């Protein structure tokens, strides 16, 4: 997928309503997970990504800073993000548990 024509989200757009269910793409443009939910808003938010699994079953939730993801909107208005982390690197992170 060519992300060069996609519009980057501003910090004000990094909200739970906008980011929830966004697809996360890894360094080789492979789908590596999706946003489960967020804690906070803006560039300081923590984004919980479901990694692996199938249709949410068996997925491992991990929490990463929103600033480490490049969120954007495609031609259809769908929000997604690109990261330099691989699926294996995300899976190796500690599992996220909501308090």
PDB file of N, CA and C in Angstrom:
ATOM      1  N   UNK A   1       0.850  -1.181   0.000  1.00  0.00           N
ATOM      2  CA  UNK A   1       0.000   0.000   0.000  1.00  0.00           C
ATOM      3  C   UNK A   1       0.886   1.231   0.000  1.00  0.00           C
ATOM      4  N   UNK A   2       0.604   2.144  -0.874  1.00  0.00           N
ATOM      5  CA  UNK A   2       1.365   3.381  -0.943  1.00  0.00           C
ATOM      6  C   UNK A   2       0.752   4.384   0.032  1.00  0.00           C
ATOM      7  N   UNK A   3       1.471   4.646   1.117  1.00  0.00           N
ATOM      8  CA  UNK A   3       0.953   5.551   2.150  1.00  0.00           C
ATOM      9  C   UNK A   3       1.291   7.012   1.870  1.00  0.00           C
ATOM     10  N   UNK A   4       2.053   7.284   0.819  1.00  0.00           N
ATOM     11  CA  UNK A   4       2.532   8.645   0.578  1.00  0.00           C
ATOM     12  C   UNK A   4       1.398   9.636   0.306  1.00  0.00           C
ATOM     13  N   UNK A   5       0.279   9.164  -0.232  1.00  0.00           N
ATOM     14  CA  UNK A   5      -0.834  10.068  -0.534  1.00  0.00           C
ATOM     15  C   UNK A   5      -1.830  10.164   0.626  1.00  0.00           C
ATOM     16  N   UNK A   6      -1.578   9.418   1.696  1.00  0.00           N
ATOM     17  CA  UNK A   6      -2.502   9.426   2.826  1.00  0.00           C
ATOM     18  C   UNK A   6      -2.242  10.633   3.722  1.00  0.00           C
ATOM     19  N   UNK A   7      -3.301  11.135   4.327  1.00  0.00           N
ATOM     20  CA  UNK A   7      -3.219  12.330   5.159  1.00  0.00           C
ATOM     21  C   UNK A   7      -2.907  11.936   6.594  1.00  0.00           C
ATOM     22  N   UNK A   8      -1.790  12.474   7.118  1.00  0.00           N
ATOM     23  CA  UNK A   8      -1.401  12.197   8.508  1.00  0.00           C
ATOM     24  C   UNK A   8      -2.410  12.848   9.450  1.00  0.00           C
ATOM     25  N   UNK A   9      -2.722  12.146  10.544  1.00  0.00           N
ATOM     26  CA  UNK A   9      -3.627  12.698  11.545  1.00  0.00           C
ATOM     27  C   UNK A   9      -2.870  13.703  12.414  1.00  0.00           C
ATOM     28  N   UNK A  10      -3.570  14.731  12.852  1.00  0.00           N
ATOM     29  CA  UNK A  10      -2.984  15.696  13.779  1.00  0.00           C
ATOM     30  C   UNK A  10      -3.127  15.149  15.195  1.00  0.00           C
ATOM     31  N   UNK A  11      -2.397  15.725  16.137  1.00  0.00           N
ATOM     32  CA  UNK A  11      -2.483  15.287  17.533  1.00  0.00           C
ATOM     33  C   UNK A  11      -3.922  15.400  18.048  1.00  0.00           C
ATOM     34  N   UNK A  12      -4.670  16.404  17.588  1.00  0.00           N
ATOM     35  CA  UNK A  12      -6.056  16.588  18.028  1.00  0.00           C
ATOM     36  C   UNK A  12      -6.971  15.462  17.548  1.00  0.00           C
ATOM     37  N   UNK A  13      -6.562  14.752  16.494  1.00  0.00           N
ATOM     38  CA  UNK A  13      -7.373  13.654  15.962  1.00  0.00           C
ATOM     39  C   UNK A  13      -7.056  12.313  16.620  1.00  0.00           C
ATOM     40  N   UNK A  14      -6.033  12.275  17.472  1.00  0.00           N
ATOM     41  CA  UNK A  14      -5.661  11.025  18.132  1.00  0.00           C
ATOM     42  C   UNK A  14      -6.561  10.806  19.347  1.00  0.00           C
ATOM     43  N   UNK A  15      -7.799  10.444  19.070  1.00  0.00           N
ATOM     44  CA  UNK A  15      -8.808  10.223  20.102  1.00  0.00           C
ATOM     45  C   UNK A  15      -9.328   8.791  20.006  1.00  0.00           C
ATOM     46  N   UNK A  16      -9.899   8.273  21.083  1.00  0.00           N
ATOM     47  CA  UNK A  16     -10.432   6.904  21.036  1.00  0.00           C
ATOM     48  C   UNK A  16     -11.430   6.687  19.900  1.00  0.00           C
ATOM     49  N   UNK A  17     -12.315   7.646  19.663  1.00  0.00           N
ATOM     50  CA  UNK A  17     -13.328   7.485  18.611  1.00  0.00           C
ATOM     51  C   UNK A  17     -12.696   7.332  17.231  1.00  0.00           C
ATOM     52  N   UNK A  18     -11.603   8.035  16.986  1.00  0.00           N
ATOM     53  CA  UNK A  18     -10.948   7.997  15.676  1.00  0.00           C
ATOM     54  C   UNK A  18     -10.055   6.767  15.531  1.00  0.00           C
ATOM     55  N   UNK A  19      -9.344   6.396  16.605  1.00  0.00           N
ATOM     56  CA  UNK A  19      -8.319   5.358  16.502  1.00  0.00           C
ATOM     57  C   UNK A  19      -8.829   3.932  16.676  1.00  0.00           C
ATOM     58  N   UNK A  20      -9.942   3.753  17.382  1.00  0.00           N
ATOM     59  CA  UNK A  20     -10.429   2.397  17.649  1.00  0.00           C
ATOM     60  C   UNK A  20     -10.654   1.619  16.359  1.00  0.00           C
ATOM     61  N   UNK A  21     -10.166   0.397  16.333  1.00  0.00           N
ATOM     62  CA  UNK A  21     -10.265  -0.530  15.200  1.00  0.00           C
ATOM     63  C   UNK A  21      -9.330  -0.194  14.036  1.00  0.00           C
ATOM     64  N   UNK A  22      -8.479   0.816  14.176  1.00  0.00           N
ATOM     65  CA  UNK A  22      -7.541   1.151  13.099  1.00  0.00           C
ATOM     66  C   UNK A  22      -6.578  -0.016  12.880  1.00  0.00           C
ATOM     67  N   UNK A  23      -6.316  -0.335  11.641  1.00  0.00           N
ATOM     68  CA  UNK A  23      -5.372  -1.390  11.295  1.00  0.00           C
ATOM     69  C   UNK A  23      -3.949  -0.872  11.458  1.00  0.00           C
ATOM     70  N   UNK A  24      -3.070  -1.730  11.977  1.00  0.00           N
ATOM     71  CA  UNK A  24      -1.662  -1.388  12.148  1.00  0.00           C
ATOM     72  C   UNK A  24      -0.852  -2.198  11.135  1.00  0.00           C
ATOM     73  N   UNK A  25      -0.016  -1.495  10.363  1.00  0.00           N
ATOM     74  CA  UNK A  25       0.846  -2.140   9.367  1.00  0.00           C
ATOM     75  C   UNK A  25       2.291  -2.079   9.822  1.00  0.00           C
ATOM     76  N   UNK A  26       3.018  -3.173   9.614  1.00  0.00           N
ATOM     77  CA  UNK A  26       4.422  -3.260   9.996  1.00  0.00           C
ATOM     78  C   UNK A  26       5.339  -2.704   8.929  1.00  0.00           C
ATOM     79  N   UNK A  27       6.662  -2.887   9.134  1.00  0.00           N
ATOM     80  CA  UNK A  27       7.659  -2.294   8.242  1.00  0.00           C
ATOM     81  C   UNK A  27       7.595  -2.824   6.807  1.00  0.00           C
ATOM     82  N   UNK A  28       7.093  -4.018   6.620  1.00  0.00           N
ATOM     83  CA  UNK A  28       6.974  -4.573   5.269  1.00  0.00           C
ATOM     84  C   UNK A  28       5.559  -4.444   4.730  1.00  0.00           C
ATOM     85  N   UNK A  29       4.804  -3.518   5.325  1.00  0.00           N
ATOM     86  CA  UNK A  29       3.434  -3.223   4.920  1.00  0.00           C
ATOM     87  C   UNK A  29       2.481  -4.390   5.140  1.00  0.00           C
ATOM     88  N   UNK A  30       2.865  -5.286   6.061  1.00  0.00           N
ATOM     89  CA  UNK A  30       1.958  -6.377   6.394  1.00  0.00           C
ATOM     90  C   UNK A  30       1.077  -5.955   7.569  1.00  0.00           C
ATOM     91  N   UNK A  31      -0.142  -6.466   7.594  1.00  0.00           N
ATOM     92  CA  UNK A  31      -1.078  -6.172   8.674  1.00  0.00           C
ATOM     93  C   UNK A  31      -0.608  -6.925   9.911  1.00  0.00           C
ATOM     94  N   UNK A  32      -0.312  -6.205  10.994  1.00  0.00           N
ATOM     95  CA  UNK A  32       0.211  -6.866  12.188  1.00  0.00           C
ATOM     96  C   UNK A  32      -0.715  -6.760  13.398  1.00  0.00           C
ATOM     97  N   UNK A  33      -1.781  -5.994  13.289  1.00  0.00           N
ATOM     98  CA  UNK A  33      -2.708  -5.876  14.408  1.00  0.00           C
ATOM     99  C   UNK A  33      -3.715  -4.774  14.177  1.00  0.00           C
ATOM    100  N   UNK A  34      -4.487  -4.505  15.224  1.00  0.00           N
ATOM    101  CA  UNK A  34      -5.466  -3.419  15.159  1.00  0.00           C
ATOM    102  C   UNK A  34      -5.602  -2.784  16.534  1.00  0.00           C
ATOM    103  N   UNK A  35      -6.047  -1.530  16.541  1.00  0.00           N
ATOM    104  CA  UNK A  35      -6.208  -0.794  17.795  1.00  0.00           C
ATOM    105  C   UNK A  35      -7.443  -1.324  18.529  1.00  0.00           C
ATOM    106  N   UNK A  36      -7.212  -1.787  19.741  1.00  0.00           N
ATOM    107  CA  UNK A  36      -8.295  -2.247  20.601  1.00  0.00           C
ATOM    108  C   UNK A  36      -8.953  -1.038  21.273  1.00  0.00           C
ATOM    109  N   UNK A  37      -8.118  -0.226  21.925  1.00  0.00           N
ATOM    110  CA  UNK A  37      -8.593   0.994  22.586  1.00  0.00           C
ATOM    111  C   UNK A  37      -7.389   1.856  22.926  1.00  0.00           C
ATOM    112  N   UNK A  38      -7.663   3.039  23.460  1.00  0.00           N
ATOM    113  CA  UNK A  38      -6.581   3.945  23.845  1.00  0.00           C
ATOM    114  C   UNK A  38      -6.776   4.412  25.282  1.00  0.00           C
ATOM    115  N   UNK A  39      -5.683   4.870  25.858  1.00  0.00           N
ATOM    116  CA  UNK A  39      -5.715   5.523  27.159  1.00  0.00           C
ATOM    117  C   UNK A  39      -5.190   6.928  26.927  1.00  0.00           C
ATOM    118  N   UNK A  40      -6.059   7.906  27.038  1.00  0.00           N
ATOM    119  CA  UNK A  40      -5.676   9.288  26.805  1.00  0.00           C
ATOM    120  C   UNK A  40      -5.923   9.690  25.360  1.00  0.00           C
ATOM    121  N   UNK A  41      -5.545  10.927  25.052  1.00  0.00           N
ATOM    122  CA  UNK A  41      -5.709  11.461  23.701  1.00  0.00           C
ATOM    123  C   UNK A  41      -4.442  12.187  23.297  1.00  0.00           C
ATOM    124  N   UNK A  42      -4.330  12.488  22.021  1.00  0.00           N
ATOM    125  CA  UNK A  42      -3.185  13.230  21.516  1.00  0.00           C
ATOM    126  C   UNK A  42      -1.938  12.381  21.425  1.00  0.00           C
ATOM    127  N   UNK A  43      -0.812  13.042  21.180  1.00  0.00           N
ATOM    128  CA  UNK A  43       0.445  12.314  20.971  1.00  0.00           C
ATOM    129  C   UNK A  43       0.941  11.633  22.243  1.00  0.00           C
ATOM    130  N   UNK A  44       0.407  12.012  23.405  1.00  0.00           N
ATOM    131  CA  UNK A  44       0.794  11.377  24.669  1.00  0.00           C
ATOM    132  C   UNK A  44      -0.050  10.163  25.023  1.00  0.00           C
ATOM    133  N   UNK A  45      -1.004   9.813  24.176  1.00  0.00           N
ATOM    134  CA  UNK A  45      -1.886   8.679  24.450  1.00  0.00           C
ATOM    135  C   UNK A  45      -1.132   7.357  24.374  1.00  0.00           C
ATOM    136  N   UNK A  46      -1.642   6.371  25.091  1.00  0.00           N
ATOM    137  CA  UNK A  46      -1.163   4.999  24.977  1.00  0.00           C
ATOM    138  C   UNK A  46      -2.180   4.252  24.121  1.00  0.00           C
ATOM    139  N   UNK A  47      -1.694   3.540  23.122  1.00  0.00           N
ATOM    140  CA  UNK A  47      -2.557   2.810  22.196  1.00  0.00           C
ATOM    141  C   UNK A  47      -2.410   1.322  22.485  1.00  0.00           C
ATOM    142  N   UNK A  48      -3.537   0.652  22.732  1.00  0.00           N
ATOM    143  CA  UNK A  48      -3.520  -0.795  22.974  1.00  0.00           C
ATOM    144  C   UNK A  48      -3.819  -1.490  21.651  1.00  0.00           C
ATOM    145  N   UNK A  49      -2.846  -2.294  21.202  1.00  0.00           N
ATOM    146  CA  UNK A  49      -2.947  -2.993  19.926  1.00  0.00           C
ATOM    147  C   UNK A  49      -3.162  -4.472  20.189  1.00  0.00           C
ATOM    148  N   UNK A  50      -4.157  -5.066  19.523  1.00  0.00           N
ATOM    149  CA  UNK A  50      -4.335  -6.513  19.540  1.00  0.00           C
ATOM    150  C   UNK A  50      -3.446  -7.079  18.448  1.00  0.00           C
ATOM    151  N   UNK A  51      -2.465  -7.901  18.840  1.00  0.00           N
ATOM    152  CA  UNK A  51      -1.492  -8.451  17.900  1.00  0.00           C
ATOM    153  C   UNK A  51      -1.733  -9.946  17.729  1.00  0.00           C
ATOM    154  N   UNK A  52      -1.715 -10.387  16.487  1.00  0.00           N
ATOM    155  CA  UNK A  52      -1.880 -11.810  16.214  1.00  0.00           C
ATOM    156  C   UNK A  52      -3.317 -12.239  16.385  1.00  0.00           C
ATOM    157  N   UNK A  53      -3.515 -13.529  16.473  1.00  0.00           N
ATOM    158  CA  UNK A  53      -4.864 -14.058  16.612  1.00  0.00           C
ATOM    159  C   UNK A  53      -5.620 -13.977  15.308  1.00  0.00           C
ATOM    160  N   UNK A  54      -6.875 -14.365  15.373  1.00  0.00           N
ATOM    161  CA  UNK A  54      -7.738 -14.340  14.201  1.00  0.00           C
ATOM    162  C   UNK A  54      -9.089 -13.824  14.637  1.00  0.00           C
ATOM    163  N   UNK A  55      -9.531 -12.719  14.037  1.00  0.00           N
ATOM    164  CA  UNK A  55     -10.802 -12.086  14.398  1.00  0.00           C
ATOM    165  C   UNK A  55     -10.870 -11.789  15.890  1.00  0.00           C
ATOM    166  N   UNK A  56      -9.725 -11.378  16.460  1.00  0.00           N
ATOM    167  CA  UNK A  56      -9.684 -11.014  17.871  1.00  0.00           C
ATOM    168  C   UNK A  56      -9.524 -12.181  18.822  1.00  0.00           C
ATOM    169  N   UNK A  57      -9.598 -13.422  18.328  1.00  0.00           N
ATOM    170  CA  UNK A  57      -9.453 -14.594  19.183  1.00  0.00           C
ATOM    171  C   UNK A  57      -7.980 -14.976  19.231  1.00  0.00           C
ATOM    172  N   UNK A  58      -7.438 -15.058  20.434  1.00  0.00           N
ATOM    173  CA  UNK A  58      -6.033 -15.405  20.591  1.00  0.00           C
ATOM    174  C   UNK A  58      -5.093 -14.233  20.402  1.00  0.00           C
ATOM    175  N   UNK A  59      -5.634 -13.040  20.245  1.00  0.00           N
ATOM    176  CA  UNK A  59      -4.784 -11.858  20.073  1.00  0.00           C
ATOM    177  C   UNK A  59      -4.205 -11.445  21.422  1.00  0.00           C
ATOM    178  N   UNK A  60      -3.008 -10.898  21.390  1.00  0.00           N
ATOM    179  CA  UNK A  60      -2.343 -10.415  22.601  1.00  0.00           C
ATOM    180  C   UNK A  60      -2.390  -8.890  22.604  1.00  0.00           C
ATOM    181  N   UNK A  61      -2.984  -8.273  23.638  1.00  0.00           N
ATOM    182  CA  UNK A  61      -2.992  -6.810  23.710  1.00  0.00           C
ATOM    183  C   UNK A  61      -1.665  -6.282  24.255  1.00  0.00           C
ATOM    184  N   UNK A  62      -1.074  -5.322  23.551  1.00  0.00           N
ATOM    185  CA  UNK A  62       0.134  -4.641  24.016  1.00  0.00           C
ATOM    186  C   UNK A  62      -0.103  -3.140  23.933  1.00  0.00           C
ATOM    187  N   UNK A  63       0.531  -2.402  24.827  1.00  0.00           N
ATOM    188  CA  UNK A  63       0.350  -0.950  24.882  1.00  0.00           C
ATOM    189  C   UNK A  63       1.618  -0.256  24.386  1.00  0.00           C
ATOM    190  N   UNK A  64       1.428   0.684  23.453  1.00  0.00           N
ATOM    191  CA  UNK A  64       2.553   1.449  22.904  1.00  0.00           C
ATOM    192  C   UNK A  64       2.173   2.931  22.868  1.00  0.00           C
ATOM    193  N   UNK A  65       3.156   3.819  22.908  1.00  0.00           N
ATOM    194  CA  UNK A  65       2.856   5.251  22.806  1.00  0.00           C
ATOM    195  C   UNK A  65       2.337   5.607  21.410  1.00  0.00           C
ATOM    196  N   UNK A  66       1.310   6.429  21.352  1.00  0.00           N
ATOM    197  CA  UNK A  66       0.764   6.867  20.066  1.00  0.00           C
ATOM    198  C   UNK A  66       1.844   7.542  19.235  1.00  0.00           C
ATOM    199  N   UNK A  67       2.797   8.190  19.898  1.00  0.00           N
ATOM    200  CA  UNK A  67       3.863   8.893  19.180  1.00  0.00           C
ATOM    201  C   UNK A  67       4.769   7.941  18.402  1.00  0.00           C
ATOM    202  N   UNK A  68       4.709   6.645  18.706  1.00  0.00           N
ATOM    203  CA  UNK A  68       5.535   5.654  18.014  1.00  0.00           C
ATOM    204  C   UNK A  68       4.831   5.055  16.790  1.00  0.00           C
ATOM    205  N   UNK A  69       3.618   5.532  16.524  1.00  0.00           N
ATOM    206  CA  UNK A  69       2.831   5.062  15.379  1.00  0.00           C
ATOM    207  C   UNK A  69       2.550   6.243  14.457  1.00  0.00           C
ATOM    208  N   UNK A  70       2.542   5.994  13.175  1.00  0.00           N
ATOM    209  CA  UNK A  70       2.265   7.039  12.190  1.00  0.00           C
ATOM    210  C   UNK A  70       0.823   6.848  11.710  1.00  0.00           C
ATOM    211  N   UNK A  71      -0.113   7.534  12.380  1.00  0.00           N
ATOM    212  CA  UNK A  71      -1.534   7.399  12.031  1.00  0.00           C
ATOM    213  C   UNK A  71      -1.878   8.267  10.839  1.00  0.00           C
ATOM    214  N   UNK A  72      -2.711   7.721   9.940  1.00  0.00           N
ATOM    215  CA  UNK A  72      -3.109   8.444   8.741  1.00  0.00           C
ATOM    216  C   UNK A  72      -4.479   7.978   8.267  1.00  0.00           C
ATOM    217  N   UNK A  73      -5.026   8.750   7.343  1.00  0.00           N
ATOM    218  CA  UNK A  73      -6.339   8.457   6.768  1.00  0.00           C
ATOM    219  C   UNK A  73      -6.144   8.226   5.271  1.00  0.00           C
ATOM    220  N   UNK A  74      -6.721   7.106   4.750  1.00  0.00           N
ATOM    221  CA  UNK A  74      -6.561   6.809   3.322  1.00  0.00           C
ATOM    222  C   UNK A  74      -7.620   7.516   2.483  1.00  0.00           C
ATOM    223  N   UNK A  75      -7.623   7.234   1.198  1.00  0.00           N
ATOM    224  CA  UNK A  75      -8.535   7.902   0.259  1.00  0.00           C
ATOM    225  C   UNK A  75     -10.006   7.672   0.603  1.00  0.00           C
ATOM    226  N   UNK A  76     -10.300   6.540   1.275  1.00  0.00           N
ATOM    227  CA  UNK A  76     -11.677   6.221   1.654  1.00  0.00           C
ATOM    228  C   UNK A  76     -12.050   6.777   3.021  1.00  0.00           C
ATOM    229  N   UNK A  77     -11.089   7.442   3.675  1.00  0.00           N
ATOM    230  CA  UNK A  77     -11.347   8.000   5.003  1.00  0.00           C
ATOM    231  C   UNK A  77     -11.059   7.026   6.130  1.00  0.00           C
ATOM    232  N   UNK A  78     -10.542   5.819   5.803  1.00  0.00           N
ATOM    233  CA  UNK A  78     -10.241   4.828   6.836  1.00  0.00           C
ATOM    234  C   UNK A  78      -8.920   5.172   7.520  1.00  0.00           C
ATOM    235  N   UNK A  79      -8.915   5.074   8.846  1.00  0.00           N
ATOM    236  CA  UNK A  79      -7.723   5.371   9.631  1.00  0.00           C
ATOM    237  C   UNK A  79      -6.904   4.096   9.812  1.00  0.00           C
ATOM    238  N   UNK A  80      -5.597   4.224   9.639  1.00  0.00           N
ATOM    239  CA  UNK A  80      -4.665   3.128   9.882  1.00  0.00           C
ATOM    240  C   UNK A  80      -3.344   3.733  10.347  1.00  0.00           C
ATOM    241  N   UNK A  81      -2.419   2.873  10.746  1.00  0.00           N
ATOM    242  CA  UNK A  81      -1.117   3.354  11.207  1.00  0.00           C
ATOM    243  C   UNK A  81      -0.018   2.461  10.676  1.00  0.00           C
ATOM    244  N   UNK A  82       1.168   3.047  10.570  1.00  0.00           N
ATOM    245  CA  UNK A  82       2.362   2.327  10.146  1.00  0.00           C
ATOM    246  C   UNK A  82       3.366   2.419  11.292  1.00  0.00           C
ATOM    247  N   UNK A  83       4.075   1.315  11.526  1.00  0.00           N
ATOM    248  CA  UNK A  83       5.098   1.285  12.558  1.00  0.00           C
ATOM    249  C   UNK A  83       6.322   0.548  12.057  1.00  0.00           C
ATOM    250  N   UNK A  84       7.453   0.798  12.704  1.00  0.00           N
ATOM    251  CA  UNK A  84       8.680   0.080  12.347  1.00  0.00           C
ATOM    252  C   UNK A  84       8.777  -1.246  13.098  1.00  0.00           C
ATOM    253  N   UNK A  85       7.881  -1.463  14.078  1.00  0.00           N
ATOM    254  CA  UNK A  85       7.882  -2.730  14.806  1.00  0.00           C
ATOM    255  C   UNK A  85       7.314  -3.844  13.942  1.00  0.00           C
ATOM    256  N   UNK A  86       7.858  -5.042  14.101  1.00  0.00           N
ATOM    257  CA  UNK A  86       7.306  -6.219  13.434  1.00  0.00           C
ATOM    258  C   UNK A  86       6.268  -6.863  14.351  1.00  0.00           C
ATOM    259  N   UNK A  87       5.504  -7.777  13.791  1.00  0.00           N
ATOM    260  CA  UNK A  87       4.522  -8.500  14.609  1.00  0.00           C
ATOM    261  C   UNK A  87       5.226  -9.239  15.743  1.00  0.00           C
ATOM    262  N   UNK A  88       6.371  -9.864  15.459  1.00  0.00           N
ATOM    263  CA  UNK A  88       7.100 -10.600  16.493  1.00  0.00           C
ATOM    264  C   UNK A  88       7.600  -9.674  17.595  1.00  0.00           C
ATOM    265  N   UNK A  89       8.053  -8.471  17.228  1.00  0.00           N
ATOM    266  CA  UNK A  89       8.501  -7.515  18.247  1.00  0.00           C
ATOM    267  C   UNK A  89       7.346  -7.088  19.139  1.00  0.00           C
ATOM    268  N   UNK A  90       6.186  -6.851  18.556  1.00  0.00           N
ATOM    269  CA  UNK A  90       5.021  -6.481  19.365  1.00  0.00           C
ATOM    270  C   UNK A  90       4.588  -7.641  20.258  1.00  0.00           C
ATOM    271  N   UNK A  91       4.593  -8.851  19.710  1.00  0.00           N
ATOM    272  CA  UNK A  91       4.202 -10.024  20.509  1.00  0.00           C
ATOM    273  C   UNK A  91       5.147 -10.241  21.688  1.00  0.00           C
ATOM    274  N   UNK A  92       6.411  -9.816  21.557  1.00  0.00           N
ATOM    275  CA  UNK A  92       7.396  -9.982  22.613  1.00  0.00           C
ATOM    276  C   UNK A  92       7.222  -8.966  23.741  1.00  0.00           C
ATOM    277  N   UNK A  93       6.420  -7.941  23.532  1.00  0.00           N
ATOM    278  CA  UNK A  93       6.183  -6.914  24.554  1.00  0.00           C
ATOM    279  C   UNK A  93       5.288  -7.486  25.657  1.00  0.00           C
ATOM    280  N   UNK A  94       5.350  -6.881  26.842  1.00  0.00           N
ATOM    281  CA  UNK A  94       4.489  -7.354  27.937  1.00  0.00           C
ATOM    282  C   UNK A  94       3.004  -7.203  27.569  1.00  0.00           C
ATOM    283  N   UNK A  95       2.224  -8.174  27.985  1.00  0.00           N
ATOM    284  CA  UNK A  95       0.785  -8.110  27.723  1.00  0.00           C
ATOM    285  C   UNK A  95       0.159  -6.976  28.514  1.00  0.00           C
ATOM    286  N   UNK A  96      -0.737  -6.240  27.872  1.00  0.00           N
ATOM    287  CA  UNK A  96      -1.412  -5.112  28.523  1.00  0.00           C
ATOM    288  C   UNK A  96      -2.644  -5.623  29.269  1.00  0.00           C
ATOM    289  N   UNK A  97      -2.804  -5.151  30.510  1.00  0.00           N
ATOM    290  CA  UNK A  97      -3.994  -5.461  31.313  1.00  0.00           C
ATOM    291  C   UNK A  97      -4.583  -4.146  31.795  1.00  0.00           C
ATOM    292  N   UNK A  98      -5.868  -3.932  31.506  1.00  0.00           N
ATOM    293  CA  UNK A  98      -6.521  -2.740  32.052  1.00  0.00           C
ATOM    294  C   UNK A  98      -6.699  -2.904  33.553  1.00  0.00           C
ATOM    295  N   UNK A  99      -6.455  -1.831  34.281  1.00  0.00           N
ATOM    296  CA  UNK A  99      -6.558  -1.888  35.751  1.00  0.00           C
ATOM    297  C   UNK A  99      -7.987  -1.980  36.192  1.00  0.00           C
TER     298      UNK A  99
END
